[in-house]
Amino acid sequence: MKNCILEEQFTLFPIDTQSEVSEEITTSDETELVSFRELVPEITDTGYLTHAIVSYPAKFIPQVVRYAINTYTKENDWIVDPFAGSGTVGVEAFLCKRNAVLFDLNLLLNHIMPLKVYRGKERLNKGQLCKLLDGMQENKTHRFNPSWSNIEYWYAPEILTLLSHYWGFIYSVEPDVYTGIIKSALLKVSKRFSNTEHRTPKLARSKRKLAAIEELLNDNWREQLVDIIYTHSFKTLNRINDFITLTQQHNNQIDFHGGVDSSYIEIQRECDALITSPPYLQAQEYIRSTKMDLYWLGHTDEEIQALSRLEIPYRKADRIIQTKTLDEVRDKLTRSDLCKRLDSYFCHTINALENTMNRLKPDAAACIFVGNPRIDGITVELWRILVEYFTERGYQFEKVYEDRIKTRQLFGVRKNKNPDGMKSEYLLILRKMTV
């Protein structure tokens, strides 16, 4: 048994889980070439503090968010993010003494935000965490099996049994920040010790991973699994304690709403800025990427399937968005399925942006971070299409920053038509005109 008494403090390592998307450089006099990492040198690690507690595909890098907050908001302003994802805007808003309201289709947001923006002012106690971890290992009575019809397909029987005991213990005790920390570690091992390729966002069994699990089962897999749980738990506790130290005098509000469609949600308050990064044009399946996590967190087949049907690739457009640039792209497409995907993407992305931007105060900035993906070999200038759409509806085009990506972590086991990944991303600034 691993015992907490023997544990030391762990060094924190950055985690970058951004995923790739097909894209090419398009440079013009309309874009201002910048490096957000250079503009925000105080952030040296994209996974600093609580940003890296839970893995999430295509994370919004905090340097972009911090720049937008510093440039387009002031202390105690309210920021809205209709595509909150892993909650980067919420974390950065709280660190900068701003308020934020976050929306996302993914229910994972509701589970991770209480850890990522921990509101307590007392530093967490390692001994209390140790007591829970040791109790988890000793548990022989409580079990929890996800409401997942084919869970046996994804786990070796002995691994599933051990995980069900560990999760069962955590669900048997009163929930608090310490159980949340352990859940974040259990999510990590529940993915890594499954039959899916844990280094790719989507669930996918492979001969390579099945062979790796078979090799683990013939080795000291229990010790390895427990070691990861303890290590991750202590790292997370240290990250939260660092967050507490930096935010002792911060009393701002971060509201978060996972499992909602931001296209139609009613927003109660006016906001001073929008800062968001919409999903990629051909990589929007975030529910499917995190559904293993959602099952272990207690959600049902019915809940997850209902939300999955609302993801852009599986949802019909309820209107056709038309702009000069978008119409040109649509005219070049020869495949009807890609036309439908394009229409769905712009319909539901603009629906969500428009719904939240309608609650911006006059003269507020909408800061929208996008790439220029390719569909069927055709470059889609997202920022330009958004400019064309919103400048006809009460917004003024202010600026677009181009940030060229110098490094990108790709998934080595994943087939990718464009292995170089994205070349540039763009921060579009629109200003809501006064009435």
Protein backbone atom coordinates (compact mmCIF):
# COMPACT_ATOMS: atom_id res chain seq x y z
CA MET A 1 0.00 0.00 0.00
CA LYS A 2 1.21 3.49 -0.83
CA ASN A 3 1.27 5.60 2.33
CA CYS A 4 1.14 9.38 2.48
CA ILE A 5 3.82 9.63 5.17
CA LEU A 6 6.47 8.76 2.59
CA GLU A 7 5.40 11.39 0.07
CA GLU A 8 7.49 14.48 -0.71
CA GLN A 9 6.51 17.75 -2.38
CA PHE A 10 6.38 17.42 -6.15
CA THR A 11 7.65 19.79 -8.80
CA LEU A 12 4.88 21.01 -11.07
CA PHE A 13 5.20 20.37 -14.79
CA PRO A 14 3.34 22.18 -17.58
CA ILE A 15 0.69 20.31 -19.52
CA ASP A 16 -0.30 21.39 -23.03
CA THR A 17 -3.24 19.52 -24.50
CA GLN A 18 -4.06 21.72 -27.47
CA SER A 19 -5.04 19.63 -30.46
CA GLU A 20 -4.21 20.22 -34.09
CA VAL A 21 -6.36 21.50 -36.91
CA SER A 22 -5.63 21.88 -40.59
CA GLU A 23 -4.65 25.44 -41.35
CA GLU A 24 -2.39 27.57 -43.50
CA ILE A 25 -0.83 31.02 -43.02
CA THR A 26 -2.75 33.88 -44.58
CA THR A 27 -0.95 37.16 -44.01
CA SER A 28 -2.33 40.52 -45.09
CA ASP A 29 -2.09 44.19 -44.21
CA GLU A 30 -5.34 43.77 -42.25
CA THR A 31 -3.72 41.65 -39.53
CA GLU A 32 -1.26 42.79 -36.87
CA LEU A 33 1.43 40.17 -36.37
CA VAL A 34 2.05 39.54 -32.65
CA SER A 35 3.24 36.91 -30.21
CA PHE A 36 0.92 36.71 -27.23
CA ARG A 37 3.55 34.79 -25.30
CA GLU A 38 5.87 37.78 -25.73
CA LEU A 39 3.13 40.31 -25.01
CA VAL A 40 2.34 38.52 -21.74
CA PRO A 41 5.79 37.47 -20.45
CA GLU A 42 4.52 37.06 -16.87
CA ILE A 43 2.85 33.79 -17.97
CA THR A 44 5.68 31.40 -18.82
CA ASP A 45 3.71 28.13 -18.60
CA THR A 46 0.35 27.54 -20.29
CA GLY A 47 -0.53 25.05 -17.54
CA TYR A 48 0.39 27.24 -14.57
CA LEU A 49 -1.58 27.26 -11.33
CA THR A 50 -4.90 25.43 -11.81
CA HIS A 51 -5.07 25.53 -15.62
CA ALA A 52 -3.69 21.99 -15.96
CA ILE A 53 -5.73 20.18 -13.32
CA VAL A 54 -7.84 18.33 -15.89
CA SER A 55 -6.96 17.41 -19.48
CA TYR A 56 -9.10 19.02 -22.15
CA PRO A 57 -8.75 19.12 -25.95
CA ALA A 58 -7.71 22.37 -27.67
CA LYS A 59 -7.30 24.54 -24.60
CA PHE A 60 -7.51 28.32 -24.87
CA ILE A 61 -3.98 29.46 -23.97
CA PRO A 62 -4.01 31.84 -20.96
CA GLN A 63 -1.67 34.41 -22.56
CA VAL A 64 -4.34 35.34 -25.12
CA VAL A 65 -7.01 35.63 -22.44
CA ARG A 66 -4.75 37.69 -20.16
CA TYR A 67 -3.91 40.07 -23.00
CA ALA A 68 -7.59 40.57 -23.84
CA ILE A 69 -8.47 41.11 -20.17
CA ASN A 70 -5.66 43.64 -19.64
CA THR A 71 -6.39 45.52 -22.88
CA TYR A 72 -10.18 45.54 -23.07
CA THR A 73 -11.46 45.33 -19.48
CA LYS A 74 -10.91 46.90 -16.08
CA GLU A 75 -11.15 45.56 -12.52
CA ASN A 76 -14.59 44.28 -11.48
CA ASP A 77 -15.86 44.18 -15.06
CA TRP A 78 -18.06 41.26 -16.12
CA ILE A 79 -16.76 39.00 -18.92
CA VAL A 80 -18.90 36.45 -20.78
CA ASP A 81 -17.60 33.30 -22.52
CA PRO A 82 -20.16 31.23 -24.47
CA PHE A 83 -17.59 28.50 -25.31
CA ALA A 84 -15.97 28.11 -21.90
CA GLY A 85 -14.35 24.70 -22.50
CA SER A 86 -11.84 24.08 -19.70
CA GLY A 87 -12.61 27.42 -18.01
CA THR A 88 -9.46 29.36 -18.96
CA VAL A 89 -11.37 32.65 -19.13
CA GLY A 90 -12.80 32.06 -15.65
CA VAL A 91 -9.40 31.36 -14.09
CA GLU A 92 -7.74 34.37 -15.73
CA ALA A 93 -10.69 36.63 -14.89
CA PHE A 94 -10.49 35.76 -11.20
CA LEU A 95 -6.71 36.19 -11.13
CA CYS A 96 -7.15 39.67 -12.66
CA LYS A 97 -9.98 40.68 -10.29
CA ARG A 98 -12.69 40.45 -12.93
CA ASN A 99 -16.04 38.65 -12.81
CA ALA A 100 -17.07 36.11 -15.42
CA VAL A 101 -20.06 34.11 -16.56
CA LEU A 102 -19.19 30.92 -18.43
CA PHE A 103 -21.36 28.68 -20.61
CA ASP A 104 -20.52 25.39 -22.28
CA LEU A 105 -22.36 22.40 -23.70
CA ASN A 106 -20.02 20.08 -21.83
CA LEU A 107 -21.08 19.13 -18.29
CA LEU A 108 -17.42 18.73 -17.35
CA LEU A 109 -17.32 22.50 -16.71
CA ASN A 110 -19.47 22.07 -13.60
CA HIS A 111 -17.03 19.57 -12.12
CA ILE A 112 -13.73 21.31 -12.81
CA MET A 113 -14.49 24.96 -12.05
CA PRO A 114 -14.82 24.56 -8.24
CA LEU A 115 -11.20 23.30 -8.31
CA LYS A 116 -9.83 25.66 -10.93
CA VAL A 117 -11.28 28.73 -9.22
CA TYR A 118 -11.19 27.64 -5.59
CA ARG A 119 -12.81 30.32 -3.44
CA GLY A 120 -11.50 29.23 -0.03
CA LYS A 121 -8.89 31.41 1.68
CA GLU A 122 -7.30 28.78 3.96
CA ARG A 123 -4.50 26.70 2.47
CA LEU A 124 -5.41 23.05 1.95
CA ASN A 125 -4.02 20.46 4.35
CA LYS A 126 -1.92 17.67 2.90
CA GLY A 127 -2.65 15.41 5.87
CA GLN A 128 -6.39 15.56 5.21
CA LEU A 129 -5.80 14.61 1.58
CA CYS A 130 -3.55 11.75 2.68
CA LYS A 131 -6.23 10.39 5.00
CA LEU A 132 -8.72 10.21 2.14
CA LEU A 133 -6.22 8.63 -0.25
CA ASP A 134 -5.30 5.96 2.27
CA GLY A 135 -8.98 5.29 3.01
CA MET A 136 -9.60 4.92 -0.71
CA GLN A 137 -6.95 2.21 -0.94
CA GLU A 138 -8.36 0.33 2.03
CA ASN A 139 -11.95 0.39 0.77
CA LYS A 140 -13.43 -3.06 0.17
CA THR A 141 -17.14 -2.34 0.54
CA HIS A 142 -18.15 0.61 -1.62
CA ARG A 143 -18.29 0.28 -5.39
CA PHE A 144 -19.33 2.54 -8.23
CA ASN A 145 -19.84 1.47 -11.82
CA PRO A 146 -20.63 4.14 -14.41
CA SER A 147 -24.01 4.06 -16.15
CA TRP A 148 -22.27 3.06 -19.36
CA SER A 149 -23.81 0.21 -21.31
CA ASN A 150 -20.55 -1.09 -22.79
CA ILE A 151 -18.05 -0.18 -20.09
CA GLU A 152 -16.53 -3.70 -20.13
CA TYR A 153 -15.37 -3.03 -23.70
CA TRP A 154 -13.06 -0.31 -22.43
CA TYR A 155 -11.43 -2.03 -19.43
CA ALA A 156 -9.71 -5.21 -18.40
CA PRO A 157 -11.87 -6.82 -15.67
CA GLU A 158 -9.29 -6.49 -12.86
CA ILE A 159 -8.64 -2.82 -13.68
CA LEU A 160 -12.35 -2.05 -13.79
CA THR A 161 -12.84 -3.73 -10.39
CA LEU A 162 -10.10 -1.66 -8.77
CA LEU A 163 -11.34 1.60 -10.29
CA SER A 164 -14.91 0.87 -9.20
CA HIS A 165 -13.71 0.45 -5.60
CA TYR A 166 -11.70 3.68 -5.67
CA TRP A 167 -14.55 5.70 -7.20
CA GLY A 168 -17.01 4.00 -4.86
CA PHE A 169 -15.09 5.18 -1.82
CA ILE A 170 -14.91 8.78 -3.07
CA TYR A 171 -18.67 8.79 -3.68
CA SER A 172 -19.28 7.38 -0.19
CA VAL A 173 -17.76 10.36 1.65
CA GLU A 174 -18.96 13.94 1.96
CA PRO A 175 -17.95 15.87 -1.18
CA ASP A 176 -15.48 18.72 -0.69
CA VAL A 177 -12.36 20.14 -2.31
CA TYR A 178 -10.31 17.10 -1.27
CA THR A 179 -12.66 14.62 -2.92
CA GLY A 180 -12.63 16.89 -5.98
CA ILE A 181 -8.84 16.70 -6.09
CA ILE A 182 -8.92 12.91 -5.91
CA LYS A 183 -11.61 12.76 -8.61
CA SER A 184 -9.33 14.73 -10.92
CA ALA A 185 -6.61 12.12 -10.33
CA LEU A 186 -9.05 9.25 -10.81
CA LEU A 187 -10.10 10.74 -14.15
CA LYS A 188 -6.47 10.62 -15.23
CA VAL A 189 -5.94 6.95 -14.37
CA SER A 190 -9.41 5.92 -15.56
CA LYS A 191 -8.38 7.10 -19.03
CA ARG A 192 -4.75 5.97 -18.94
CA PHE A 193 -5.52 2.43 -17.74
CA SER A 194 -8.42 1.94 -20.14
CA ASN A 195 -8.33 0.31 -23.56
CA THR A 196 -8.60 3.67 -25.32
CA GLU A 197 -5.65 5.61 -26.69
CA HIS A 198 -5.27 8.04 -23.82
CA ARG A 199 -2.96 10.32 -25.83
CA THR A 200 -5.73 11.18 -28.30
CA PRO A 201 -8.88 13.12 -27.45
CA LYS A 202 -11.46 10.69 -28.82
CA LEU A 203 -12.20 7.20 -27.53
CA ALA A 204 -10.49 4.67 -29.79
CA ARG A 205 -9.24 1.17 -29.05
CA SER A 206 -6.11 0.09 -30.85
CA LYS A 207 -3.87 -2.96 -31.04
CA ARG A 208 -1.06 -0.85 -29.61
CA LYS A 209 -3.05 0.14 -26.51
CA LEU A 210 -4.47 -3.34 -25.96
CA ALA A 211 -0.93 -4.73 -26.08
CA ALA A 212 0.21 -2.05 -23.62
CA ILE A 213 -2.58 -2.97 -21.19
CA GLU A 214 -1.71 -6.67 -21.50
CA GLU A 215 1.89 -5.84 -20.67
CA LEU A 216 0.78 -3.77 -17.68
CA LEU A 217 -1.34 -6.62 -16.36
CA ASN A 218 1.77 -8.79 -16.29
CA ASP A 219 3.66 -6.11 -14.37
CA ASN A 220 3.05 -4.05 -11.22
CA TRP A 221 0.09 -2.15 -12.70
CA ARG A 222 -1.62 -1.54 -9.34
CA GLU A 223 1.44 0.21 -7.95
CA GLN A 224 1.77 2.33 -11.08
CA LEU A 225 -1.91 3.30 -10.99
CA VAL A 226 -1.77 4.25 -7.31
CA ASP A 227 1.45 6.20 -7.80
CA ILE A 228 -0.20 8.33 -10.51
CA ILE A 229 -3.20 9.01 -8.25
CA TYR A 230 -1.04 10.15 -5.34
CA THR A 231 1.34 12.17 -7.52
CA HIS A 232 -1.45 13.95 -9.40
CA SER A 233 -3.38 14.61 -6.17
CA PHE A 234 -0.39 16.25 -4.49
CA LYS A 235 0.41 18.31 -7.56
CA THR A 236 -3.19 19.49 -7.69
CA LEU A 237 -3.21 20.37 -3.99
CA ASN A 238 0.00 22.39 -4.48
CA ARG A 239 -1.48 24.17 -7.51
CA ILE A 240 -4.63 25.11 -5.58
CA ASN A 241 -2.58 26.32 -2.61
CA ASP A 242 -0.54 28.51 -4.96
CA PHE A 243 -3.81 29.84 -6.40
CA ILE A 244 -5.08 30.59 -2.87
CA THR A 245 -1.90 32.50 -2.04
CA LEU A 246 -2.23 34.69 -5.14
CA THR A 247 -5.95 35.40 -4.68
CA GLN A 248 -6.24 36.08 -0.94
CA GLN A 249 -7.67 39.56 -1.58
CA HIS A 250 -9.83 38.59 -4.55
CA ASN A 251 -13.57 38.40 -4.02
CA ASN A 252 -14.89 38.43 -7.57
CA GLN A 253 -17.62 36.15 -8.90
CA ILE A 254 -17.21 33.36 -11.44
CA ASP A 255 -20.53 31.85 -12.54
CA PHE A 256 -20.41 28.70 -14.64
CA HIS A 257 -23.10 26.73 -16.43
CA GLY A 258 -22.16 23.42 -18.05
CA GLY A 259 -24.60 21.31 -20.04
CA VAL A 260 -26.30 24.32 -21.62
CA ASP A 261 -26.66 25.51 -25.20
CA SER A 262 -25.27 29.04 -25.22
CA SER A 263 -27.18 29.77 -28.43
CA TYR A 264 -30.44 29.99 -26.51
CA ILE A 265 -29.58 30.39 -22.82
CA GLU A 266 -31.08 33.51 -21.25
CA ILE A 267 -28.32 35.72 -19.82
CA GLN A 268 -29.48 37.75 -16.85
CA ARG A 269 -26.80 40.45 -16.69
CA GLU A 270 -25.17 42.93 -19.02
CA CYS A 271 -21.46 42.29 -19.57
CA ASP A 272 -18.47 44.55 -20.21
CA ALA A 273 -16.64 42.23 -22.63
CA LEU A 274 -16.83 38.91 -24.43
CA ILE A 275 -13.68 36.77 -24.52
CA THR A 276 -14.02 33.38 -26.17
CA SER A 277 -12.56 30.80 -28.52
CA PRO A 278 -15.25 28.99 -30.56
CA PRO A 279 -14.77 25.31 -31.43
CA TYR A 280 -12.72 24.43 -34.49
CA LEU A 281 -14.54 23.98 -37.77
CA GLN A 282 -13.71 20.27 -38.10
CA ALA A 283 -12.90 19.32 -34.51
CA GLN A 284 -15.96 20.10 -32.44
CA GLU A 285 -16.67 16.74 -30.77
CA TYR A 286 -15.77 17.78 -27.23
CA ILE A 287 -18.53 15.76 -25.55
CA ARG A 288 -17.31 12.59 -27.25
CA SER A 289 -13.73 13.46 -26.28
CA THR A 290 -14.62 13.65 -22.59
CA LYS A 291 -17.48 11.16 -22.29
CA MET A 292 -15.36 8.63 -20.39
CA ASP A 293 -14.79 11.33 -17.78
CA LEU A 294 -18.49 12.20 -17.73
CA TYR A 295 -19.52 8.58 -17.12
CA TRP A 296 -17.14 8.24 -14.17
CA LEU A 297 -18.43 11.57 -12.84
CA GLY A 298 -21.90 10.05 -12.59
CA HIS A 299 -23.64 11.13 -15.77
CA THR A 300 -25.87 8.72 -17.65
CA ASP A 301 -26.00 7.43 -21.22
CA GLU A 302 -29.13 9.48 -21.77
CA GLU A 303 -27.57 12.75 -20.57
CA ILE A 304 -24.40 12.34 -22.60
CA GLN A 305 -26.16 11.22 -25.77
CA ALA A 306 -28.59 14.15 -25.56
CA LEU A 307 -25.71 16.63 -25.33
CA SER A 308 -23.72 14.84 -28.04
CA ARG A 309 -26.60 15.35 -30.45
CA LEU A 310 -26.22 19.11 -29.93
CA GLU A 311 -22.60 19.13 -31.07
CA ILE A 312 -22.09 20.86 -34.38
CA PRO A 313 -21.27 17.87 -36.63
CA TYR A 314 -24.52 16.16 -35.59
CA ARG A 315 -26.84 19.13 -35.70
CA LYS A 316 -28.69 20.67 -38.61
CA ALA A 317 -28.48 24.37 -39.34
CA ASP A 318 -31.68 26.20 -38.45
CA ARG A 319 -30.69 29.09 -40.73
CA ILE A 320 -28.12 29.70 -43.46
CA ILE A 321 -25.51 32.34 -42.64
CA GLN A 322 -24.50 34.40 -45.64
CA THR A 323 -21.54 36.73 -46.03
CA LYS A 324 -19.38 37.52 -49.06
CA THR A 325 -16.46 35.34 -47.95
CA LEU A 326 -18.61 32.49 -46.66
CA ASP A 327 -20.64 32.40 -49.87
CA GLU A 328 -17.41 32.17 -51.89
CA VAL A 329 -16.28 29.18 -49.84
CA ARG A 330 -19.68 27.51 -50.11
CA ASP A 331 -19.67 27.93 -53.91
CA LYS A 332 -16.31 26.13 -54.16
CA LEU A 333 -17.39 23.06 -52.18
CA THR A 334 -18.40 20.06 -54.27
CA ARG A 335 -19.44 17.71 -51.45
CA SER A 336 -22.91 18.14 -49.98
CA ASP A 337 -21.86 16.72 -46.59
CA LEU A 338 -19.16 19.40 -46.24
CA CYS A 339 -21.64 22.10 -47.24
CA LYS A 340 -23.97 20.89 -44.49
CA ARG A 341 -21.13 20.88 -41.95
CA LEU A 342 -20.10 24.40 -42.98
CA ASP A 343 -23.68 25.64 -42.66
CA SER A 344 -24.11 23.92 -39.30
CA TYR A 345 -20.86 25.33 -37.96
CA PHE A 346 -21.56 28.95 -38.83
CA CYS A 347 -25.22 28.75 -37.88
CA HIS A 348 -24.65 27.48 -34.35
CA THR A 349 -21.37 29.30 -33.71
CA ILE A 350 -22.87 32.65 -34.71
CA ASN A 351 -26.10 31.87 -32.83
CA ALA A 352 -24.09 31.46 -29.61
CA LEU A 353 -21.93 34.53 -30.26
CA GLU A 354 -24.92 36.68 -31.16
CA ASN A 355 -26.94 35.56 -28.15
CA THR A 356 -24.17 36.50 -25.72
CA MET A 357 -22.99 39.61 -27.59
CA ASN A 358 -26.53 40.96 -27.37
CA ARG A 359 -25.91 41.27 -23.63
CA LEU A 360 -22.78 43.38 -24.04
CA LYS A 361 -22.90 46.99 -22.93
CA PRO A 362 -22.46 49.71 -25.57
CA ASP A 363 -18.80 50.20 -26.52
CA ALA A 364 -17.89 46.78 -25.06
CA ALA A 365 -15.30 44.68 -26.89
CA ALA A 366 -15.94 41.20 -28.26
CA CYS A 367 -12.60 39.34 -28.35
CA ILE A 368 -12.91 36.17 -30.45
CA PHE A 369 -9.95 33.83 -30.92
CA VAL A 370 -10.12 31.66 -34.06
CA GLY A 371 -7.99 29.87 -36.62
CA ASN A 372 -8.23 29.76 -40.41
CA PRO A 373 -9.05 26.10 -41.04
CA ARG A 374 -9.29 24.35 -44.38
CA ILE A 375 -12.25 22.35 -45.59
CA ASP A 376 -11.81 20.21 -48.70
CA GLY A 377 -8.55 22.08 -49.33
CA ILE A 378 -10.24 25.51 -49.16
CA THR A 379 -9.08 28.03 -46.56
CA VAL A 380 -11.93 29.43 -44.45
CA GLU A 381 -11.09 32.86 -43.01
CA LEU A 382 -13.22 32.66 -39.90
CA TRP A 383 -12.27 36.08 -38.58
CA ARG A 384 -13.21 37.73 -41.88
CA ILE A 385 -16.58 35.98 -42.02
CA LEU A 386 -17.34 37.09 -38.46
CA VAL A 387 -16.36 40.66 -39.34
CA GLU A 388 -18.65 40.64 -42.39
CA TYR A 389 -21.56 39.26 -40.38
CA PHE A 390 -21.32 41.44 -37.27
CA THR A 391 -20.42 44.77 -38.89
CA GLU A 392 -23.85 44.65 -40.50
CA ARG A 393 -25.43 44.19 -37.08
CA GLY A 394 -24.21 46.99 -34.87
CA TYR A 395 -20.54 46.14 -34.34
CA GLN A 396 -17.43 47.95 -35.48
CA PHE A 397 -14.35 46.09 -36.68
CA GLU A 398 -11.46 47.32 -34.53
CA LYS A 399 -8.48 45.01 -35.05
CA VAL A 400 -7.32 41.48 -35.76
CA TYR A 401 -4.11 40.11 -34.27
CA GLU A 402 -2.28 37.24 -35.98
CA ASP A 403 -0.29 34.98 -33.67
CA ARG A 404 1.92 32.49 -35.51
CA ILE A 405 2.36 29.22 -33.68
CA LYS A 406 5.97 28.14 -33.32
CA THR A 407 5.42 24.89 -31.41
CA ARG A 408 2.51 22.52 -31.20
CA GLN A 409 2.17 19.20 -29.39
CA LEU A 410 0.58 16.72 -31.75
CA PHE A 411 -0.69 13.23 -31.05
CA GLY A 412 1.90 10.84 -32.42
CA VAL A 413 -0.48 7.91 -32.74
CA ARG A 414 -3.06 9.86 -34.70
CA LYS A 415 -3.29 10.01 -38.49
CA ASN A 416 -3.33 13.64 -39.53
CA LYS A 417 -3.65 14.99 -43.06
CA ASN A 418 -1.73 18.08 -42.03
CA PRO A 419 0.94 16.96 -39.52
CA ASP A 420 2.30 20.49 -39.18
CA GLY A 421 -0.90 21.55 -37.44
CA MET A 422 -2.01 25.18 -37.27
CA LYS A 423 0.29 27.93 -38.49
CA SER A 424 -1.56 30.98 -37.15
CA GLU A 425 -4.44 31.91 -34.91
CA TYR A 426 -6.28 35.21 -34.87
CA LEU A 427 -7.70 37.38 -32.12
CA LEU A 428 -10.55 39.39 -33.61
CA ILE A 429 -11.72 42.53 -31.81
CA LEU A 430 -15.21 43.84 -32.52
CA ARG A 431 -16.64 46.85 -30.70
CA LYS A 432 -20.35 47.15 -29.92
CA MET A 433 -21.47 50.50 -31.25
CA THR A 434 -23.33 52.91 -29.02
CA VAL A 435 -26.99 53.44 -29.81
